[in-house]
Amino acid sequence: MIDGIINVHKEAGYTSHDVVAKLRGILRQKKIGHTGTLDPEATGVLPVCLGKGTRLCDMLTDKEKTYEAELLLGVETDTQDMTGRVLCQKEVFCTPQEVETVVQSFLGEQMQIPPMYSALKVNGKKLYELAREGIEVERKPRPVHFYEIKILAIEPPRVKMQVTCSKGTYIRTLCHDIGRKLGCGAAMERLIRIQVGRFTLAESHTLEEIQEYAKNGCISEIVCTVEDMFAEYPSFRCPRRYDKRLLNGNPLDVKSVTGEPVDGWLRAYDSQGAFVGVYARKEGSHHYYPVKMFR
């Protein structure tokens, strides 16, 4: 079994679940999970967790994400992108300065209403399933955060921008809301996810490329190990007499392991130097406590 994370370049036409299914066939293992969905027509970075790496899915889902999006002014659709049914069209009279001002007004903490065409569930049913039945239900606004919105080009009626945002953000909805605020409407025409945490588009691999690596027996060359995911954190090594406590995920006295006591996350190694998991110490505490175990 392969353990770690592989940076997949999802191509248009595939759902995130399609990617997982394809990888199960390519790598011949079942324990695989993705780290946050991309719409079928969206492309770009999709980190996929393998084996013990699936324990990282929630951590990667929480990471900031960066997108390149192109919005089309003067049109609104039921899906908030150009795959949907056009609801209305208007002439576009806004100036580039007005577009810039409105776009930048979305920076920071915002309340966003999830679109009907999304995988969120209401009473056990996905919103897009209800939408396909012609049913629209009330959705509660959710807090999201836009860390940076950079205008890359304004060529009316199209606006190209780069957006860095928190988890749970719908770029389609951002485009829709920008259009509403400008008074002409807008829909997302194209979306590429260019970064998720440490994973970038430049270092991603298509399914075809991954299949070639697997065929040639060198898949490990493009898999980020679980240990590598925590390389930025300090570490401690456990004396042999405390190995059992460590492997069982018990708290450890800071004086019982190597290194000076530090706060925050640490990589934990047994007496043989094998990576076991991630521990953390709260400020002033005399113990390290387990965060994630991988043994």
C-alpha atoms as a PDB file:
ATOM      1  CA  MET A   1       0.000   0.000   0.000  1.00  0.00           C
ATOM      2  CA  ILE A   2       1.164   3.523  -0.838  1.00  0.00           C
ATOM      3  CA  ASP A   3       0.970   6.025   2.035  1.00  0.00           C
ATOM      4  CA  GLY A   4       1.070   9.767   1.432  1.00  0.00           C
ATOM      5  CA  ILE A   5      -0.415  12.483  -0.758  1.00  0.00           C
ATOM      6  CA  ILE A   6      -0.365  12.824  -4.513  1.00  0.00           C
ATOM      7  CA  ASN A   7      -0.942  16.197  -6.176  1.00  0.00           C
ATOM      8  CA  VAL A   8      -3.431  15.518  -8.972  1.00  0.00           C
ATOM      9  CA  HIS A   9      -4.112  17.972 -11.788  1.00  0.00           C
ATOM     10  CA  LYS A  10      -7.835  17.412 -12.218  1.00  0.00           C
ATOM     11  CA  GLU A  11      -8.937  17.889 -15.788  1.00  0.00           C
ATOM     12  CA  ALA A  12     -12.293  19.164 -17.022  1.00  0.00           C
ATOM     13  CA  GLY A  13     -15.074  16.601 -17.236  1.00  0.00           C
ATOM     14  CA  TYR A  14     -14.024  14.631 -14.152  1.00  0.00           C
ATOM     15  CA  THR A  15     -15.674  14.898 -10.747  1.00  0.00           C
ATOM     16  CA  SER A  16     -13.436  14.638  -7.688  1.00  0.00           C
ATOM     17  CA  HIS A  17     -14.979  11.204  -7.062  1.00  0.00           C
ATOM     18  CA  ASP A  18     -14.073  10.186 -10.630  1.00  0.00           C
ATOM     19  CA  VAL A  19     -10.447  11.024  -9.873  1.00  0.00           C
ATOM     20  CA  VAL A  20     -10.471   8.855  -6.742  1.00  0.00           C
ATOM     21  CA  ALA A  21     -12.064   5.970  -8.665  1.00  0.00           C
ATOM     22  CA  LYS A  22      -9.473   6.244 -11.452  1.00  0.00           C
ATOM     23  CA  LEU A  23      -6.613   6.291  -8.947  1.00  0.00           C
ATOM     24  CA  ARG A  24      -7.942   3.184  -7.187  1.00  0.00           C
ATOM     25  CA  GLY A  25      -7.603   1.388 -10.505  1.00  0.00           C
ATOM     26  CA  ILE A  26      -4.196   2.850 -11.374  1.00  0.00           C
ATOM     27  CA  LEU A  27      -2.633   2.252  -7.949  1.00  0.00           C
ATOM     28  CA  ARG A  28      -4.605  -0.912  -7.170  1.00  0.00           C
ATOM     29  CA  GLN A  29      -5.541   0.125  -3.646  1.00  0.00           C
ATOM     30  CA  LYS A  30      -8.856   1.058  -2.092  1.00  0.00           C
ATOM     31  CA  LYS A  31      -7.809   3.395   0.715  1.00  0.00           C
ATOM     32  CA  ILE A  32      -7.857   6.717  -1.152  1.00  0.00           C
ATOM     33  CA  GLY A  33      -9.663   9.971  -0.406  1.00  0.00           C
ATOM     34  CA  HIS A  34      -9.722  13.493  -1.874  1.00  0.00           C
ATOM     35  CA  THR A  35      -9.408  16.730   0.055  1.00  0.00           C
ATOM     36  CA  GLY A  36     -12.263  18.895  -1.182  1.00  0.00           C
ATOM     37  CA  THR A  37     -14.383  18.789  -4.308  1.00  0.00           C
ATOM     38  CA  LEU A  38     -13.844  20.664  -7.540  1.00  0.00           C
ATOM     39  CA  ASP A  39     -16.782  21.153  -9.925  1.00  0.00           C
ATOM     40  CA  PRO A  40     -16.615  18.837 -12.967  1.00  0.00           C
ATOM     41  CA  GLU A  41     -15.691  21.658 -15.374  1.00  0.00           C
ATOM     42  CA  ALA A  42     -13.158  23.220 -12.983  1.00  0.00           C
ATOM     43  CA  THR A  43      -9.538  22.160 -13.300  1.00  0.00           C
ATOM     44  CA  GLY A  44      -6.394  22.269 -11.218  1.00  0.00           C
ATOM     45  CA  VAL A  45      -4.933  21.121  -7.927  1.00  0.00           C
ATOM     46  CA  LEU A  46      -6.668  18.250  -6.138  1.00  0.00           C
ATOM     47  CA  PRO A  47      -4.511  16.695  -3.388  1.00  0.00           C
ATOM     48  CA  VAL A  48      -5.472  13.036  -2.989  1.00  0.00           C
ATOM     49  CA  CYS A  49      -4.574  11.094   0.158  1.00  0.00           C
ATOM     50  CA  LEU A  50      -3.362   7.495  -0.034  1.00  0.00           C
ATOM     51  CA  GLY A  51      -3.279   4.795   2.665  1.00  0.00           C
ATOM     52  CA  LYS A  52      -2.305   6.274   6.037  1.00  0.00           C
ATOM     53  CA  GLY A  53      -2.314   9.656   4.334  1.00  0.00           C
ATOM     54  CA  THR A  54      -6.139   9.579   4.408  1.00  0.00           C
ATOM     55  CA  ARG A  55      -5.820  10.622   8.059  1.00  0.00           C
ATOM     56  CA  LEU A  56      -4.695  13.983   6.674  1.00  0.00           C
ATOM     57  CA  CYS A  57      -7.839  14.622   4.621  1.00  0.00           C
ATOM     58  CA  ASP A  58      -9.436  16.913   7.210  1.00  0.00           C
ATOM     59  CA  MET A  59      -6.200  18.864   7.693  1.00  0.00           C
ATOM     60  CA  LEU A  60      -5.791  19.495   3.960  1.00  0.00           C
ATOM     61  CA  THR A  61      -9.449  20.407   3.521  1.00  0.00           C
ATOM     62  CA  ASP A  62      -8.902  23.208   6.053  1.00  0.00           C
ATOM     63  CA  LYS A  63      -6.009  24.737   4.076  1.00  0.00           C
ATOM     64  CA  GLU A  64      -6.245  28.054   2.221  1.00  0.00           C
ATOM     65  CA  LYS A  65      -6.905  27.676  -1.494  1.00  0.00           C
ATOM     66  CA  THR A  66      -5.956  29.886  -4.433  1.00  0.00           C
ATOM     67  CA  TYR A  67      -7.893  30.042  -7.693  1.00  0.00           C
ATOM     68  CA  GLU A  68      -7.769  31.778 -11.048  1.00  0.00           C
ATOM     69  CA  ALA A  69     -11.297  32.604 -12.131  1.00  0.00           C
ATOM     70  CA  GLU A  70     -12.824  34.296 -15.136  1.00  0.00           C
ATOM     71  CA  LEU A  71     -16.236  35.876 -14.705  1.00  0.00           C
ATOM     72  CA  LEU A  72     -18.567  36.973 -17.478  1.00  0.00           C
ATOM     73  CA  LEU A  73     -20.472  40.178 -16.768  1.00  0.00           C
ATOM     74  CA  GLY A  74     -24.041  40.738 -17.945  1.00  0.00           C
ATOM     75  CA  VAL A  75     -25.427  37.240 -17.457  1.00  0.00           C
ATOM     76  CA  GLU A  76     -26.912  35.208 -14.592  1.00  0.00           C
ATOM     77  CA  THR A  77     -27.496  31.443 -14.603  1.00  0.00           C
ATOM     78  CA  ASP A  78     -29.170  28.993 -12.239  1.00  0.00           C
ATOM     79  CA  THR A  79     -25.810  27.325 -11.467  1.00  0.00           C
ATOM     80  CA  GLN A  80     -23.859  30.622 -11.177  1.00  0.00           C
ATOM     81  CA  ASP A  81     -21.509  29.379 -13.907  1.00  0.00           C
ATOM     82  CA  MET A  82     -21.818  28.918 -17.667  1.00  0.00           C
ATOM     83  CA  THR A  83     -22.901  25.256 -17.426  1.00  0.00           C
ATOM     84  CA  GLY A  84     -26.358  26.325 -16.250  1.00  0.00           C
ATOM     85  CA  ARG A  85     -29.533  27.769 -17.706  1.00  0.00           C
ATOM     86  CA  VAL A  86     -29.392  31.485 -18.449  1.00  0.00           C
ATOM     87  CA  LEU A  87     -31.860  33.354 -16.242  1.00  0.00           C
ATOM     88  CA  CYS A  88     -31.267  36.914 -17.448  1.00  0.00           C
ATOM     89  CA  GLN A  89     -28.926  39.027 -19.547  1.00  0.00           C
ATOM     90  CA  LYS A  90     -28.139  42.731 -19.238  1.00  0.00           C
ATOM     91  CA  GLU A  91     -25.933  45.266 -20.942  1.00  0.00           C
ATOM     92  CA  VAL A  92     -22.686  46.062 -19.160  1.00  0.00           C
ATOM     93  CA  PHE A  93     -21.967  49.737 -18.535  1.00  0.00           C
ATOM     94  CA  CYS A  94     -19.617  49.587 -15.524  1.00  0.00           C
ATOM     95  CA  THR A  95     -16.101  50.970 -15.857  1.00  0.00           C
ATOM     96  CA  PRO A  96     -12.894  49.080 -14.965  1.00  0.00           C
ATOM     97  CA  GLN A  97     -12.563  51.327 -11.897  1.00  0.00           C
ATOM     98  CA  GLU A  98     -16.064  50.362 -10.728  1.00  0.00           C
ATOM     99  CA  VAL A  99     -15.258  46.680 -11.251  1.00  0.00           C
ATOM    100  CA  GLU A 100     -12.032  47.019  -9.244  1.00  0.00           C
ATOM    101  CA  THR A 101     -13.819  48.809  -6.383  1.00  0.00           C
ATOM    102  CA  VAL A 102     -16.595  46.225  -6.155  1.00  0.00           C
ATOM    103  CA  VAL A 103     -14.224  43.248  -6.374  1.00  0.00           C
ATOM    104  CA  GLN A 104     -12.011  44.612  -3.581  1.00  0.00           C
ATOM    105  CA  SER A 105     -15.085  45.203  -1.387  1.00  0.00           C
ATOM    106  CA  PHE A 106     -15.282  41.415  -0.912  1.00  0.00           C
ATOM    107  CA  LEU A 107     -11.928  41.202   0.847  1.00  0.00           C
ATOM    108  CA  GLY A 108     -11.913  39.880   4.402  1.00  0.00           C
ATOM    109  CA  GLU A 109     -14.655  38.103   6.333  1.00  0.00           C
ATOM    110  CA  GLN A 110     -17.893  37.681   4.359  1.00  0.00           C
ATOM    111  CA  MET A 111     -21.198  35.872   4.748  1.00  0.00           C
ATOM    112  CA  GLN A 112     -21.862  33.743   1.688  1.00  0.00           C
ATOM    113  CA  ILE A 113     -25.063  31.907   0.738  1.00  0.00           C
ATOM    114  CA  PRO A 114     -24.154  28.501  -0.777  1.00  0.00           C
ATOM    115  CA  PRO A 115     -25.539  27.932  -4.287  1.00  0.00           C
ATOM    116  CA  MET A 116     -28.408  25.525  -4.903  1.00  0.00           C
ATOM    117  CA  TYR A 117     -26.191  23.582  -7.292  1.00  0.00           C
ATOM    118  CA  SER A 118     -23.803  22.320  -4.615  1.00  0.00           C
ATOM    119  CA  ALA A 119     -23.174  19.091  -2.709  1.00  0.00           C
ATOM    120  CA  LEU A 120     -24.296  20.507   0.646  1.00  0.00           C
ATOM    121  CA  LYS A 121     -27.088  18.518   2.252  1.00  0.00           C
ATOM    122  CA  VAL A 122     -30.438  19.723   3.574  1.00  0.00           C
ATOM    123  CA  ASN A 123     -32.498  17.141   5.451  1.00  0.00           C
ATOM    124  CA  GLY A 124     -30.265  14.392   4.097  1.00  0.00           C
ATOM    125  CA  LYS A 125     -30.576  15.425   0.448  1.00  0.00           C
ATOM    126  CA  LYS A 126     -27.923  17.171  -1.631  1.00  0.00           C
ATOM    127  CA  LEU A 127     -28.854  20.661  -2.788  1.00  0.00           C
ATOM    128  CA  TYR A 128     -28.088  19.932  -6.447  1.00  0.00           C
ATOM    129  CA  GLU A 129     -30.529  16.993  -6.340  1.00  0.00           C
ATOM    130  CA  LEU A 130     -33.261  19.330  -5.103  1.00  0.00           C
ATOM    131  CA  ALA A 131     -32.288  21.934  -7.708  1.00  0.00           C
ATOM    132  CA  ARG A 132     -32.648  19.375 -10.509  1.00  0.00           C
ATOM    133  CA  GLU A 133     -36.171  18.682  -9.263  1.00  0.00           C
ATOM    134  CA  GLY A 134     -36.948  22.400  -9.495  1.00  0.00           C
ATOM    135  CA  ILE A 135     -37.001  22.787  -5.709  1.00  0.00           C
ATOM    136  CA  GLU A 136     -35.261  25.750  -4.102  1.00  0.00           C
ATOM    137  CA  VAL A 137     -34.758  25.781  -0.340  1.00  0.00           C
ATOM    138  CA  GLU A 138     -33.525  28.445   2.030  1.00  0.00           C
ATOM    139  CA  ARG A 139     -29.781  28.285   2.695  1.00  0.00           C
ATOM    140  CA  LYS A 140     -28.200  29.921   5.686  1.00  0.00           C
ATOM    141  CA  PRO A 141     -25.292  32.288   4.988  1.00  0.00           C
ATOM    142  CA  ARG A 142     -21.927  30.879   6.057  1.00  0.00           C
ATOM    143  CA  PRO A 143     -18.795  32.786   7.079  1.00  0.00           C
ATOM    144  CA  VAL A 144     -15.968  32.666   4.542  1.00  0.00           C
ATOM    145  CA  HIS A 145     -12.765  34.673   4.267  1.00  0.00           C
ATOM    146  CA  PHE A 146     -11.133  36.200   1.208  1.00  0.00           C
ATOM    147  CA  TYR A 147      -7.457  36.780   2.003  1.00  0.00           C
ATOM    148  CA  GLU A 148      -6.557  38.248  -1.378  1.00  0.00           C
ATOM    149  CA  ILE A 149      -8.424  39.098  -4.577  1.00  0.00           C
ATOM    150  CA  LYS A 150      -6.137  40.263  -7.377  1.00  0.00           C
ATOM    151  CA  ILE A 151      -7.493  41.555 -10.693  1.00  0.00           C
ATOM    152  CA  LEU A 152      -5.400  40.026 -13.492  1.00  0.00           C
ATOM    153  CA  ALA A 153      -7.245  41.499 -16.467  1.00  0.00           C
ATOM    154  CA  ILE A 154     -10.397  43.456 -17.272  1.00  0.00           C
ATOM    155  CA  GLU A 155     -11.555  42.994 -20.836  1.00  0.00           C
ATOM    156  CA  PRO A 156     -15.309  43.741 -20.723  1.00  0.00           C
ATOM    157  CA  PRO A 157     -17.476  41.767 -20.442  1.00  0.00           C
ATOM    158  CA  ARG A 158     -14.835  39.467 -18.903  1.00  0.00           C
ATOM    159  CA  VAL A 159     -12.836  39.869 -15.707  1.00  0.00           C
ATOM    160  CA  LYS A 160      -9.948  37.575 -14.801  1.00  0.00           C
ATOM    161  CA  MET A 161      -8.896  37.433 -11.150  1.00  0.00           C
ATOM    162  CA  GLN A 162      -6.860  35.446  -8.653  1.00  0.00           C
ATOM    163  CA  VAL A 163      -8.545  34.610  -5.348  1.00  0.00           C
ATOM    164  CA  THR A 164      -7.058  33.208  -2.130  1.00  0.00           C
ATOM    165  CA  CYS A 165      -9.757  32.134   0.289  1.00  0.00           C
ATOM    166  CA  SER A 166     -10.760  29.906   3.200  1.00  0.00           C
ATOM    167  CA  LYS A 167     -12.310  26.461   2.994  1.00  0.00           C
ATOM    168  CA  GLY A 168     -15.988  26.220   2.115  1.00  0.00           C
ATOM    169  CA  THR A 169     -15.856  29.179  -0.297  1.00  0.00           C
ATOM    170  CA  TYR A 170     -17.736  29.041  -3.592  1.00  0.00           C
ATOM    171  CA  ILE A 171     -15.972  31.069  -6.285  1.00  0.00           C
ATOM    172  CA  ARG A 172     -19.101  30.730  -8.446  1.00  0.00           C
ATOM    173  CA  THR A 173     -21.032  32.544  -5.751  1.00  0.00           C
ATOM    174  CA  LEU A 174     -18.353  35.228  -5.446  1.00  0.00           C
ATOM    175  CA  CYS A 175     -18.718  35.883  -9.195  1.00  0.00           C
ATOM    176  CA  HIS A 176     -22.508  35.970  -8.863  1.00  0.00           C
ATOM    177  CA  ASP A 177     -22.349  38.376  -5.910  1.00  0.00           C
ATOM    178  CA  ILE A 178     -19.900  40.681  -7.715  1.00  0.00           C
ATOM    179  CA  GLY A 179     -22.321  40.848 -10.649  1.00  0.00           C
ATOM    180  CA  ARG A 180     -25.258  41.618  -8.373  1.00  0.00           C
ATOM    181  CA  LYS A 181     -23.307  44.425  -6.672  1.00  0.00           C
ATOM    182  CA  LEU A 182     -22.348  45.901 -10.056  1.00  0.00           C
ATOM    183  CA  GLY A 183     -25.998  45.752 -11.124  1.00  0.00           C
ATOM    184  CA  CYS A 184     -25.394  43.835 -14.359  1.00  0.00           C
ATOM    185  CA  GLY A 185     -25.157  40.260 -13.087  1.00  0.00           C
ATOM    186  CA  ALA A 186     -22.269  37.847 -13.635  1.00  0.00           C
ATOM    187  CA  ALA A 187     -21.488  34.155 -13.900  1.00  0.00           C
ATOM    188  CA  MET A 188     -18.252  32.215 -13.603  1.00  0.00           C
ATOM    189  CA  GLU A 189     -16.937  31.196 -17.007  1.00  0.00           C
ATOM    190  CA  ARG A 190     -13.736  29.371 -16.039  1.00  0.00           C
ATOM    191  CA  LEU A 191     -12.031  28.169 -12.844  1.00  0.00           C
ATOM    192  CA  ILE A 192      -8.561  26.785 -12.159  1.00  0.00           C
ATOM    193  CA  ARG A 193      -7.387  25.912  -8.650  1.00  0.00           C
ATOM    194  CA  ILE A 194      -3.692  26.785  -8.607  1.00  0.00           C
ATOM    195  CA  GLN A 195      -2.780  26.020  -4.990  1.00  0.00           C
ATOM    196  CA  VAL A 196      -3.960  24.124  -1.890  1.00  0.00           C
ATOM    197  CA  GLY A 197      -1.640  24.645   1.059  1.00  0.00           C
ATOM    198  CA  ARG A 198       1.831  23.550  -0.121  1.00  0.00           C
ATOM    199  CA  PHE A 199       0.535  21.893  -3.311  1.00  0.00           C
ATOM    200  CA  THR A 200       0.833  23.970  -6.488  1.00  0.00           C
ATOM    201  CA  LEU A 201      -0.418  23.609 -10.049  1.00  0.00           C
ATOM    202  CA  ALA A 202       3.144  23.558 -11.419  1.00  0.00           C
ATOM    203  CA  GLU A 203       3.909  20.402  -9.405  1.00  0.00           C
ATOM    204  CA  SER A 204       0.631  18.590 -10.126  1.00  0.00           C
ATOM    205  CA  HIS A 205       0.209  15.525 -12.366  1.00  0.00           C
ATOM    206  CA  THR A 206      -2.616  14.455 -14.660  1.00  0.00           C
ATOM    207  CA  LEU A 207      -4.128  10.993 -14.311  1.00  0.00           C
ATOM    208  CA  GLU A 208      -2.378   9.965 -17.526  1.00  0.00           C
ATOM    209  CA  GLU A 209       0.994  11.048 -16.120  1.00  0.00           C
ATOM    210  CA  ILE A 210       0.320   9.226 -12.843  1.00  0.00           C
ATOM    211  CA  GLN A 211      -0.538   6.082 -14.775  1.00  0.00           C
ATOM    212  CA  GLU A 212       2.837   6.284 -16.540  1.00  0.00           C
ATOM    213  CA  TYR A 213       4.692   6.624 -13.235  1.00  0.00           C
ATOM    214  CA  ALA A 214       2.816   3.608 -11.862  1.00  0.00           C
ATOM    215  CA  LYS A 215       3.465   1.585 -15.018  1.00  0.00           C
ATOM    216  CA  ASN A 216       7.196   2.321 -14.770  1.00  0.00           C
ATOM    217  CA  GLY A 217       7.312   1.415 -11.069  1.00  0.00           C
ATOM    218  CA  CYS A 218       8.366   4.881  -9.894  1.00  0.00           C
ATOM    219  CA  ILE A 219       5.157   6.222  -8.363  1.00  0.00           C
ATOM    220  CA  SER A 220       7.040   7.074  -5.135  1.00  0.00           C
ATOM    221  CA  GLU A 221       8.768   9.901  -7.031  1.00  0.00           C
ATOM    222  CA  ILE A 222       5.542  11.927  -7.091  1.00  0.00           C
ATOM    223  CA  VAL A 223       4.079  10.964  -3.701  1.00  0.00           C
ATOM    224  CA  CYS A 224       4.579  13.335  -0.774  1.00  0.00           C
ATOM    225  CA  THR A 225       5.081  11.225   2.350  1.00  0.00           C
ATOM    226  CA  VAL A 226       3.076  11.809   5.506  1.00  0.00           C
ATOM    227  CA  GLU A 227       6.282  12.728   7.329  1.00  0.00           C
ATOM    228  CA  ASP A 228       7.143  15.353   4.695  1.00  0.00           C
ATOM    229  CA  MET A 229       3.822  17.067   5.315  1.00  0.00           C
ATOM    230  CA  PHE A 230       5.088  18.094   8.767  1.00  0.00           C
ATOM    231  CA  ALA A 231       8.697  18.905   7.841  1.00  0.00           C
ATOM    232  CA  GLU A 232       8.305  22.527   9.000  1.00  0.00           C
ATOM    233  CA  TYR A 233       7.723  21.514  12.626  1.00  0.00           C
ATOM    234  CA  PRO A 234      10.366  20.675  15.256  1.00  0.00           C
ATOM    235  CA  SER A 235      10.697  17.083  16.434  1.00  0.00           C
ATOM    236  CA  PHE A 236      11.448  14.916  19.442  1.00  0.00           C
ATOM    237  CA  ARG A 237      12.727  11.379  19.816  1.00  0.00           C
ATOM    238  CA  CYS A 238      11.367   9.021  22.417  1.00  0.00           C
ATOM    239  CA  PRO A 239      13.704   6.911  24.609  1.00  0.00           C
ATOM    240  CA  ARG A 240      13.186   3.177  24.220  1.00  0.00           C
ATOM    241  CA  ARG A 241      11.530   2.792  27.635  1.00  0.00           C
ATOM    242  CA  TYR A 242       8.734   5.155  26.508  1.00  0.00           C
ATOM    243  CA  ASP A 243       8.204   3.664  23.034  1.00  0.00           C
ATOM    244  CA  LYS A 244       5.101   1.776  24.132  1.00  0.00           C
ATOM    245  CA  ARG A 245       3.497   4.941  25.526  1.00  0.00           C
ATOM    246  CA  LEU A 246       4.262   6.746  22.284  1.00  0.00           C
ATOM    247  CA  LEU A 247       2.925   3.981  20.027  1.00  0.00           C
ATOM    248  CA  ASN A 248      -0.269   3.827  22.104  1.00  0.00           C
ATOM    249  CA  GLY A 249      -0.784   7.568  21.637  1.00  0.00           C
ATOM    250  CA  ASN A 250      -0.392   8.424  25.334  1.00  0.00           C
ATOM    251  CA  PRO A 251       0.663  11.873  26.594  1.00  0.00           C
ATOM    252  CA  LEU A 252       4.400  12.201  27.200  1.00  0.00           C
ATOM    253  CA  ASP A 253       6.175  14.263  29.821  1.00  0.00           C
ATOM    254  CA  VAL A 254       8.291  16.882  28.034  1.00  0.00           C
ATOM    255  CA  LYS A 255      11.265  15.880  30.202  1.00  0.00           C
ATOM    256  CA  SER A 256      11.050  12.254  29.084  1.00  0.00           C
ATOM    257  CA  VAL A 257      11.950  12.935  25.443  1.00  0.00           C
ATOM    258  CA  THR A 258      14.885  14.548  23.647  1.00  0.00           C
ATOM    259  CA  GLY A 259      15.102  18.253  22.895  1.00  0.00           C
ATOM    260  CA  GLU A 260      14.160  21.474  24.629  1.00  0.00           C
ATOM    261  CA  PRO A 261      10.430  21.866  25.417  1.00  0.00           C
ATOM    262  CA  VAL A 262       8.611  23.861  22.709  1.00  0.00           C
ATOM    263  CA  ASP A 263       5.003  24.908  22.240  1.00  0.00           C
ATOM    264  CA  GLY A 264       2.841  23.926  19.286  1.00  0.00           C
ATOM    265  CA  TRP A 265       3.112  20.917  16.983  1.00  0.00           C
ATOM    266  CA  LEU A 266       6.066  18.508  16.903  1.00  0.00           C
ATOM    267  CA  ARG A 267       6.969  15.454  14.845  1.00  0.00           C
ATOM    268  CA  ALA A 268       7.237  12.409  17.117  1.00  0.00           C
ATOM    269  CA  TYR A 269       9.796   9.629  16.503  1.00  0.00           C
ATOM    270  CA  ASP A 270      10.322   6.380  18.375  1.00  0.00           C
ATOM    271  CA  SER A 271      13.705   5.267  19.744  1.00  0.00           C
ATOM    272  CA  GLN A 272      14.588   3.721  16.360  1.00  0.00           C
ATOM    273  CA  GLY A 273      13.975   6.996  14.520  1.00  0.00           C
ATOM    274  CA  ALA A 274      10.693   5.930  12.892  1.00  0.00           C
ATOM    275  CA  PHE A 275       8.068   8.656  12.398  1.00  0.00           C
ATOM    276  CA  VAL A 276       5.022   7.900  14.551  1.00  0.00           C
ATOM    277  CA  GLY A 277       2.806  10.969  14.453  1.00  0.00           C
ATOM    278  CA  VAL A 278       2.275  14.561  15.487  1.00  0.00           C
ATOM    279  CA  TYR A 279       2.160  15.734  19.093  1.00  0.00           C
ATOM    280  CA  ALA A 280       1.497  19.182  20.534  1.00  0.00           C
ATOM    281  CA  ARG A 281       2.224  21.064  23.724  1.00  0.00           C
ATOM    282  CA  LYS A 282       0.035  23.849  25.014  1.00  0.00           C
ATOM    283  CA  GLU A 283       1.827  26.835  26.482  1.00  0.00           C
ATOM    284  CA  GLY A 284       2.939  26.108  30.040  1.00  0.00           C
ATOM    285  CA  SER A 285       1.973  22.421  29.927  1.00  0.00           C
ATOM    286  CA  HIS A 286       4.395  19.735  31.118  1.00  0.00           C
ATOM    287  CA  HIS A 287       3.149  17.196  28.566  1.00  0.00           C
ATOM    288  CA  TYR A 288       3.009  16.624  24.830  1.00  0.00           C
ATOM    289  CA  TYR A 289      -0.384  15.354  23.628  1.00  0.00           C
ATOM    290  CA  PRO A 290      -1.143  13.392  20.415  1.00  0.00           C
ATOM    291  CA  VAL A 291      -2.712  15.270  17.490  1.00  0.00           C
ATOM    292  CA  LYS A 292      -2.505  12.635  14.715  1.00  0.00           C
ATOM    293  CA  MET A 293      -1.004   9.154  14.868  1.00  0.00           C
ATOM    294  CA  PHE A 294       0.248   7.323  11.775  1.00  0.00           C
ATOM    295  CA  ARG A 295       1.516   4.047  13.258  1.00  0.00           C
END
